[in-house]
PDB file of N, CA and C in Angstrom:
ATOM      1  N   MET A   1      40.998 -11.474  29.398  1.00  0.00           N
ATOM      2  CA  MET A   1      41.216 -10.679  30.582  1.00  0.00           C
ATOM      3  C   MET A   1      39.918  -9.963  30.954  1.00  0.00           C
ATOM      4  N   ASN A   2      39.671  -9.837  32.208  1.00  0.00           N
ATOM      5  CA  ASN A   2      38.455  -9.236  32.739  1.00  0.00           C
ATOM      6  C   ASN A   2      38.564  -7.709  32.726  1.00  0.00           C
ATOM      7  N   ASN A   3      37.554  -7.025  32.191  1.00  0.00           N
ATOM      8  CA  ASN A   3      37.567  -5.561  32.147  1.00  0.00           C
ATOM      9  C   ASN A   3      37.618  -4.937  33.533  1.00  0.00           C
ATOM     10  N   GLU A   4      37.125  -5.637  34.552  1.00  0.00           N
ATOM     11  CA  GLU A   4      37.134  -5.091  35.908  1.00  0.00           C
ATOM     12  C   GLU A   4      38.555  -4.869  36.410  1.00  0.00           C
ATOM     13  N   THR A   5      39.522  -5.597  35.864  1.00  0.00           N
ATOM     14  CA  THR A   5      40.896  -5.490  36.331  1.00  0.00           C
ATOM     15  C   THR A   5      41.752  -4.631  35.417  1.00  0.00           C
ATOM     16  N   GLN A   6      41.207  -4.144  34.312  1.00  0.00           N
ATOM     17  CA  GLN A   6      41.960  -3.325  33.369  1.00  0.00           C
ATOM     18  C   GLN A   6      41.667  -1.853  33.617  1.00  0.00           C
ATOM     19  N   LEU A   7      42.681  -1.127  34.059  1.00  0.00           N
ATOM     20  CA  LEU A   7      42.482   0.291  34.334  1.00  0.00           C
ATOM     21  C   LEU A   7      42.339   1.108  33.060  1.00  0.00           C
ATOM     22  N   ASP A   8      42.913   0.629  31.953  1.00  0.00           N
ATOM     23  CA  ASP A   8      42.865   1.377  30.702  1.00  0.00           C
ATOM     24  C   ASP A   8      41.786   0.865  29.752  1.00  0.00           C
ATOM     25  N   ALA A   9      40.822   0.122  30.259  1.00  0.00           N
ATOM     26  CA  ALA A   9      39.760  -0.443  29.420  1.00  0.00           C
ATOM     27  C   ALA A   9      38.894   0.687  28.860  1.00  0.00           C
ATOM     28  N   THR A  10      38.517   0.550  27.595  1.00  0.00           N
ATOM     29  CA  THR A  10      37.642   1.533  26.969  1.00  0.00           C
ATOM     30  C   THR A  10      36.391   0.834  26.463  1.00  0.00           C
ATOM     31  N   ALA A  11      35.372   1.627  26.200  1.00  0.00           N
ATOM     32  CA  ALA A  11      34.120   1.063  25.696  1.00  0.00           C
ATOM     33  C   ALA A  11      33.560   1.981  24.620  1.00  0.00           C
ATOM     34  N   LEU A  12      32.977   1.388  23.610  1.00  0.00           N
ATOM     35  CA  LEU A  12      32.282   2.129  22.566  1.00  0.00           C
ATOM     36  C   LEU A  12      30.811   2.166  22.957  1.00  0.00           C
ATOM     37  N   ILE A  13      30.292   3.347  23.209  1.00  0.00           N
ATOM     38  CA  ILE A  13      28.902   3.480  23.644  1.00  0.00           C
ATOM     39  C   ILE A  13      28.092   4.080  22.500  1.00  0.00           C
ATOM     40  N   THR A  14      27.308   3.232  21.878  1.00  0.00           N
ATOM     41  CA  THR A  14      26.476   3.641  20.750  1.00  0.00           C
ATOM     42  C   THR A  14      25.095   4.051  21.258  1.00  0.00           C
ATOM     43  N   PRO A  15      24.302   4.715  20.436  1.00  0.00           N
ATOM     44  CA  PRO A  15      22.926   5.036  20.844  1.00  0.00           C
ATOM     45  C   PRO A  15      22.125   3.781  21.208  1.00  0.00           C
ATOM     46  N   GLU A  16      22.393   2.673  20.526  1.00  0.00           N
ATOM     47  CA  GLU A  16      21.683   1.422  20.833  1.00  0.00           C
ATOM     48  C   GLU A  16      22.049   0.906  22.220  1.00  0.00           C
ATOM     49  N   ILE A  17      23.320   1.046  22.585  1.00  0.00           N
ATOM     50  CA  ILE A  17      23.751   0.614  23.918  1.00  0.00           C
ATOM     51  C   ILE A  17      23.107   1.497  24.980  1.00  0.00           C
ATOM     52  N   LEU A  18      23.076   2.800  24.741  1.00  0.00           N
ATOM     53  CA  LEU A  18      22.414   3.700  25.693  1.00  0.00           C
ATOM     54  C   LEU A  18      20.943   3.341  25.868  1.00  0.00           C
ATOM     55  N   GLN A  19      20.270   3.018  24.774  1.00  0.00           N
ATOM     56  CA  GLN A  19      18.863   2.628  24.855  1.00  0.00           C
ATOM     57  C   GLN A  19      18.709   1.325  25.631  1.00  0.00           C
ATOM     58  N   ALA A  20      19.624   0.381  25.412  1.00  0.00           N
ATOM     59  CA  ALA A  20      19.567  -0.891  26.138  1.00  0.00           C
ATOM     60  C   ALA A  20      19.742  -0.666  27.636  1.00  0.00           C
ATOM     61  N   VAL A  21      20.663   0.219  28.010  1.00  0.00           N
ATOM     62  CA  VAL A  21      20.867   0.528  29.429  1.00  0.00           C
ATOM     63  C   VAL A  21      19.616   1.185  30.004  1.00  0.00           C
ATOM     64  N   LYS A  22      19.019   2.111  29.261  1.00  0.00           N
ATOM     65  CA  LYS A  22      17.771   2.737  29.721  1.00  0.00           C
ATOM     66  C   LYS A  22      16.688   1.686  29.942  1.00  0.00           C
ATOM     67  N   ASN A  23      16.589   0.744  29.015  1.00  0.00           N
ATOM     68  CA  ASN A  23      15.591  -0.325  29.159  1.00  0.00           C
ATOM     69  C   ASN A  23      15.868  -1.162  30.397  1.00  0.00           C
ATOM     70  N   LEU A  24      17.142  -1.498  30.627  1.00  0.00           N
ATOM     71  CA  LEU A  24      17.495  -2.296  31.801  1.00  0.00           C
ATOM     72  C   LEU A  24      17.207  -1.546  33.095  1.00  0.00           C
ATOM     73  N   GLN A  25      17.248  -0.222  33.059  1.00  0.00           N
ATOM     74  CA  GLN A  25      17.048   0.553  34.273  1.00  0.00           C
ATOM     75  C   GLN A  25      15.601   0.967  34.511  1.00  0.00           C
ATOM     76  N   ARG A  26      14.689   0.387  33.741  1.00  0.00           N
ATOM     77  CA  ARG A  26      13.274   0.607  34.060  1.00  0.00           C
ATOM     78  C   ARG A  26      13.012   0.013  35.440  1.00  0.00           C
ATOM     79  N   GLU A  27      12.244   0.715  36.207  1.00  0.00           N
ATOM     80  CA  GLU A  27      11.965   0.307  37.582  1.00  0.00           C
ATOM     81  C   GLU A  27      11.462  -1.129  37.665  1.00  0.00           C
ATOM     82  N   GLY A  28      12.159  -1.943  38.447  1.00  0.00           N
ATOM     83  CA  GLY A  28      11.738  -3.320  38.690  1.00  0.00           C
ATOM     84  C   GLY A  28      12.069  -4.311  37.587  1.00  0.00           C
ATOM     85  N   TYR A  29      12.609  -3.851  36.454  1.00  0.00           N
ATOM     86  CA  TYR A  29      12.832  -4.749  35.310  1.00  0.00           C
ATOM     87  C   TYR A  29      13.933  -5.775  35.580  1.00  0.00           C
ATOM     88  N   VAL A  30      15.095  -5.310  36.022  1.00  0.00           N
ATOM     89  CA  VAL A  30      16.196  -6.248  36.273  1.00  0.00           C
ATOM     90  C   VAL A  30      15.868  -7.189  37.435  1.00  0.00           C
ATOM     91  N   PRO A  31      15.291  -6.709  38.543  1.00  0.00           N
ATOM     92  CA  PRO A  31      14.905  -7.663  39.583  1.00  0.00           C
ATOM     93  C   PRO A  31      13.954  -8.745  39.062  1.00  0.00           C
ATOM     94  N   MET A  32      13.054  -8.369  38.146  1.00  0.00           N
ATOM     95  CA  MET A  32      12.146  -9.352  37.557  1.00  0.00           C
ATOM     96  C   MET A  32      12.936 -10.364  36.723  1.00  0.00           C
ATOM     97  N   LEU A  33      13.904  -9.880  35.933  1.00  0.00           N
ATOM     98  CA  LEU A  33      14.729 -10.789  35.131  1.00  0.00           C
ATOM     99  C   LEU A  33      15.520 -11.743  36.025  1.00  0.00           C
ATOM    100  N   ILE A  34      16.099 -11.206  37.093  1.00  0.00           N
ATOM    101  CA  ILE A  34      16.879 -12.032  38.014  1.00  0.00           C
ATOM    102  C   ILE A  34      15.990 -13.087  38.662  1.00  0.00           C
ATOM    103  N   GLU A  35      14.779 -12.713  39.021  1.00  0.00           N
ATOM    104  CA  GLU A  35      13.830 -13.672  39.598  1.00  0.00           C
ATOM    105  C   GLU A  35      13.476 -14.768  38.592  1.00  0.00           C
ATOM    106  N   GLN A  36      13.276 -14.379  37.331  1.00  0.00           N
ATOM    107  CA  GLN A  36      12.983 -15.372  36.289  1.00  0.00           C
ATOM    108  C   GLN A  36      14.159 -16.326  36.102  1.00  0.00           C
ATOM    109  N   LEU A  37      15.382 -15.792  36.131  1.00  0.00           N
ATOM    110  CA  LEU A  37      16.567 -16.646  36.017  1.00  0.00           C
ATOM    111  C   LEU A  37      16.644 -17.616  37.192  1.00  0.00           C
ATOM    112  N   GLU A  38      16.247 -17.155  38.372  1.00  0.00           N
ATOM    113  CA  GLU A  38      16.242 -18.019  39.559  1.00  0.00           C
ATOM    114  C   GLU A  38      15.276 -19.187  39.373  1.00  0.00           C
ATOM    115  N   GLU A  39      14.123 -18.911  38.787  1.00  0.00           N
ATOM    116  CA  GLU A  39      13.161 -19.985  38.520  1.00  0.00           C
ATOM    117  C   GLU A  39      13.716 -20.983  37.512  1.00  0.00           C
ATOM    118  N   ILE A  40      14.420 -20.488  36.498  1.00  0.00           N
ATOM    119  CA  ILE A  40      15.045 -21.389  35.522  1.00  0.00           C
ATOM    120  C   ILE A  40      16.123 -22.222  36.204  1.00  0.00           C
ATOM    121  N   LEU A  41      16.894 -21.596  37.088  1.00  0.00           N
ATOM    122  CA  LEU A  41      17.925 -22.329  37.832  1.00  0.00           C
ATOM    123  C   LEU A  41      17.327 -23.487  38.620  1.00  0.00           C
ATOM    124  N   ASP A  42      16.148 -23.269  39.190  1.00  0.00           N
ATOM    125  CA  ASP A  42      15.488 -24.322  39.966  1.00  0.00           C
ATOM    126  C   ASP A  42      15.280 -25.586  39.135  1.00  0.00           C
ATOM    127  N   PHE A  43      15.017 -25.435  37.846  1.00  0.00           N
ATOM    128  CA  PHE A  43      14.834 -26.603  36.983  1.00  0.00           C
ATOM    129  C   PHE A  43      16.095 -27.457  36.937  1.00  0.00           C
ATOM    130  N   PHE A  44      17.251 -26.804  36.912  1.00  0.00           N
ATOM    131  CA  PHE A  44      18.510 -27.542  36.858  1.00  0.00           C
ATOM    132  C   PHE A  44      18.898 -28.078  38.232  1.00  0.00           C
ATOM    133  N   ILE A  45      18.709 -27.268  39.266  1.00  0.00           N
ATOM    134  CA  ILE A  45      19.120 -27.652  40.614  1.00  0.00           C
ATOM    135  C   ILE A  45      18.238 -28.763  41.174  1.00  0.00           C
ATOM    136  N   GLU A  46      16.936 -28.700  40.924  1.00  0.00           N
ATOM    137  CA  GLU A  46      16.004 -29.685  41.475  1.00  0.00           C
ATOM    138  C   GLU A  46      15.859 -30.918  40.597  1.00  0.00           C
ATOM    139  N   ASP A  47      16.728 -31.067  39.602  1.00  0.00           N
ATOM    140  CA  ASP A  47      16.752 -32.249  38.733  1.00  0.00           C
ATOM    141  C   ASP A  47      15.482 -32.425  37.912  1.00  0.00           C
ATOM    142  N   ILE A  48      14.816 -31.345  37.580  1.00  0.00           N
ATOM    143  CA  ILE A  48      13.633 -31.437  36.727  1.00  0.00           C
ATOM    144  C   ILE A  48      14.048 -31.740  35.292  1.00  0.00           C
ATOM    145  N   CYS A  49      15.207 -31.194  34.872  1.00  0.00           N
ATOM    146  CA  CYS A  49      15.752 -31.466  33.528  1.00  0.00           C
ATOM    147  C   CYS A  49      16.543 -32.766  33.592  1.00  0.00           C
ATOM    148  N   THR A  50      15.930 -33.858  33.232  1.00  0.00           N
ATOM    149  CA  THR A  50      16.585 -35.162  33.358  1.00  0.00           C
ATOM    150  C   THR A  50      17.372 -35.559  32.122  1.00  0.00           C
ATOM    151  N   GLY A  51      17.207 -34.853  31.009  1.00  0.00           N
ATOM    152  CA  GLY A  51      17.885 -35.229  29.776  1.00  0.00           C
ATOM    153  C   GLY A  51      19.300 -34.697  29.657  1.00  0.00           C
ATOM    154  N   LEU A  52      19.810 -34.053  30.695  1.00  0.00           N
ATOM    155  CA  LEU A  52      21.143 -33.465  30.639  1.00  0.00           C
ATOM    156  C   LEU A  52      22.094 -34.180  31.586  1.00  0.00           C
ATOM    157  N   SER A  53      23.362 -34.224  31.198  1.00  0.00           N
ATOM    158  CA  SER A  53      24.376 -34.781  32.092  1.00  0.00           C
ATOM    159  C   SER A  53      24.643 -33.778  33.213  1.00  0.00           C
ATOM    160  N   ASN A  54      25.293 -34.239  34.273  1.00  0.00           N
ATOM    161  CA  ASN A  54      25.621 -33.340  35.381  1.00  0.00           C
ATOM    162  C   ASN A  54      26.528 -32.204  34.925  1.00  0.00           C
ATOM    163  N   ASP A  55      27.454 -32.508  34.006  1.00  0.00           N
ATOM    164  CA  ASP A  55      28.341 -31.465  33.484  1.00  0.00           C
ATOM    165  C   ASP A  55      27.554 -30.401  32.726  1.00  0.00           C
ATOM    166  N   GLN A  56      26.575 -30.832  31.929  1.00  0.00           N
ATOM    167  CA  GLN A  56      25.745 -29.879  31.188  1.00  0.00           C
ATOM    168  C   GLN A  56      24.921 -29.026  32.143  1.00  0.00           C
ATOM    169  N   LYS A  57      24.355 -29.662  33.172  1.00  0.00           N
ATOM    170  CA  LYS A  57      23.575 -28.914  34.167  1.00  0.00           C
ATOM    171  C   LYS A  57      24.449 -27.883  34.865  1.00  0.00           C
ATOM    172  N   LEU A  58      25.657 -28.299  35.262  1.00  0.00           N
ATOM    173  CA  LEU A  58      26.569 -27.390  35.948  1.00  0.00           C
ATOM    174  C   LEU A  58      26.930 -26.209  35.051  1.00  0.00           C
ATOM    175  N   GLU A  59      27.166 -26.481  33.777  1.00  0.00           N
ATOM    176  CA  GLU A  59      27.491 -25.406  32.838  1.00  0.00           C
ATOM    177  C   GLU A  59      26.332 -24.409  32.727  1.00  0.00           C
ATOM    178  N   HIS A  60      25.111 -24.912  32.614  1.00  0.00           N
ATOM    179  CA  HIS A  60      23.941 -24.030  32.532  1.00  0.00           C
ATOM    180  C   HIS A  60      23.773 -23.220  33.817  1.00  0.00           C
ATOM    181  N   ILE A  61      23.976 -23.848  34.949  1.00  0.00           N
ATOM    182  CA  ILE A  61      23.861 -23.158  36.235  1.00  0.00           C
ATOM    183  C   ILE A  61      24.891 -22.036  36.322  1.00  0.00           C
ATOM    184  N   GLN A  62      26.130 -22.324  35.912  1.00  0.00           N
ATOM    185  CA  GLN A  62      27.179 -21.306  35.956  1.00  0.00           C
ATOM    186  C   GLN A  62      26.857 -20.131  35.036  1.00  0.00           C
ATOM    187  N   ILE A  63      26.345 -20.417  33.853  1.00  0.00           N
ATOM    188  CA  ILE A  63      25.985 -19.356  32.908  1.00  0.00           C
ATOM    189  C   ILE A  63      24.854 -18.498  33.468  1.00  0.00           C
ATOM    190  N   LEU A  64      23.841 -19.146  34.038  1.00  0.00           N
ATOM    191  CA  LEU A  64      22.710 -18.401  34.601  1.00  0.00           C
ATOM    192  C   LEU A  64      23.145 -17.544  35.788  1.00  0.00           C
ATOM    193  N   ARG A  65      23.987 -18.080  36.661  1.00  0.00           N
ATOM    194  CA  ARG A  65      24.485 -17.309  37.813  1.00  0.00           C
ATOM    195  C   ARG A  65      25.319 -16.115  37.339  1.00  0.00           C
ATOM    196  N   SER A  66      26.158 -16.344  36.330  1.00  0.00           N
ATOM    197  CA  SER A  66      26.974 -15.265  35.774  1.00  0.00           C
ATOM    198  C   SER A  66      26.090 -14.176  35.164  1.00  0.00           C
ATOM    199  N   THR A  67      25.024 -14.590  34.496  1.00  0.00           N
ATOM    200  CA  THR A  67      24.090 -13.627  33.904  1.00  0.00           C
ATOM    201  C   THR A  67      23.416 -12.805  34.996  1.00  0.00           C
ATOM    202  N   GLN A  68      22.991 -13.465  36.075  1.00  0.00           N
ATOM    203  CA  GLN A  68      22.391 -12.740  37.195  1.00  0.00           C
ATOM    204  C   GLN A  68      23.369 -11.705  37.750  1.00  0.00           C
ATOM    205  N   LYS A  69      24.617 -12.118  37.946  1.00  0.00           N
ATOM    206  CA  LYS A  69      25.637 -11.226  38.495  1.00  0.00           C
ATOM    207  C   LYS A  69      25.868 -10.032  37.571  1.00  0.00           C
ATOM    208  N   SER A  70      25.877 -10.270  36.272  1.00  0.00           N
ATOM    209  CA  SER A  70      26.093  -9.195  35.300  1.00  0.00           C
ATOM    210  C   SER A  70      24.932  -8.209  35.261  1.00  0.00           C
ATOM    211  N   LEU A  71      23.724  -8.681  35.527  1.00  0.00           N
ATOM    212  CA  LEU A  71      22.543  -7.816  35.488  1.00  0.00           C
ATOM    213  C   LEU A  71      22.413  -6.934  36.729  1.00  0.00           C
ATOM    214  N   ARG A  72      22.908  -7.393  37.868  1.00  0.00           N
ATOM    215  CA  ARG A  72      22.675  -6.691  39.143  1.00  0.00           C
ATOM    216  C   ARG A  72      23.055  -5.206  39.129  1.00  0.00           C
ATOM    217  N   PRO A  73      24.177  -4.795  38.514  1.00  0.00           N
ATOM    218  CA  PRO A  73      24.508  -3.363  38.534  1.00  0.00           C
ATOM    219  C   PRO A  73      23.471  -2.473  37.840  1.00  0.00           C
ATOM    220  N   PHE A  74      22.643  -3.041  36.983  1.00  0.00           N
ATOM    221  CA  PHE A  74      21.635  -2.259  36.264  1.00  0.00           C
ATOM    222  C   PHE A  74      20.318  -2.161  37.034  1.00  0.00           C
ATOM    223  N   SER A  75      20.239  -2.835  38.148  1.00  0.00           N
ATOM    224  CA  SER A  75      18.981  -2.946  38.876  1.00  0.00           C
ATOM    225  C   SER A  75      18.521  -1.613  39.457  1.00  0.00           C
ATOM    226  N   VAL A  76      17.280  -1.268  39.174  1.00  0.00           N
ATOM    227  CA  VAL A  76      16.617  -0.119  39.789  1.00  0.00           C
ATOM    228  C   VAL A  76      15.359  -0.670  40.441  1.00  0.00           C
ATOM    229  N   LYS A  77      15.342  -0.619  41.774  1.00  0.00           N
ATOM    230  CA  LYS A  77      14.212  -1.186  42.513  1.00  0.00           C
ATOM    231  C   LYS A  77      13.017  -0.245  42.465  1.00  0.00           C
ATOM    232  N   GLU A  78      11.901  -0.740  42.946  1.00  0.00           N
ATOM    233  CA  GLU A  78      10.687   0.077  43.030  1.00  0.00           C
ATOM    234  C   GLU A  78      11.018   1.337  43.825  1.00  0.00           C
ATOM    235  N   GLY A  79      10.561   2.469  43.357  1.00  0.00           N
ATOM    236  CA  GLY A  79      10.856   3.745  43.993  1.00  0.00           C
ATOM    237  C   GLY A  79      12.055   4.437  43.373  1.00  0.00           C
ATOM    238  N   GLY A  80      12.699   3.782  42.377  1.00  0.00           N
ATOM    239  CA  GLY A  80      13.788   4.398  41.641  1.00  0.00           C
ATOM    240  C   GLY A  80      15.160   4.278  42.251  1.00  0.00           C
ATOM    241  N   GLU A  81      15.318   3.500  43.330  1.00  0.00           N
ATOM    242  CA  GLU A  81      16.631   3.331  43.950  1.00  0.00           C
ATOM    243  C   GLU A  81      17.367   2.179  43.292  1.00  0.00           C
ATOM    244  N   SER A  82      18.718   2.318  43.204  1.00  0.00           N
ATOM    245  CA  SER A  82      19.506   1.215  42.649  1.00  0.00           C
ATOM    246  C   SER A  82      20.037   0.329  43.737  1.00  0.00           C
TER     247      SER A  82
END
């Protein structure tokens, strides 16, 4: 079940998790990661990776897109705006 749909969802926030969030919120860091993921996606979309089946490529594309979507809420653009 997706946590976004659970009203009673709880989370354990450890000092390590707080540090990870701080790292993700460094100015420009998440946009840079998302851009890097986009470049990796191009390898699958433009058929540069020829050793994979279409199903494998699709799976990698879906994982990369999901990762991009998960990172976006942490994004802090240049100037400190989210």
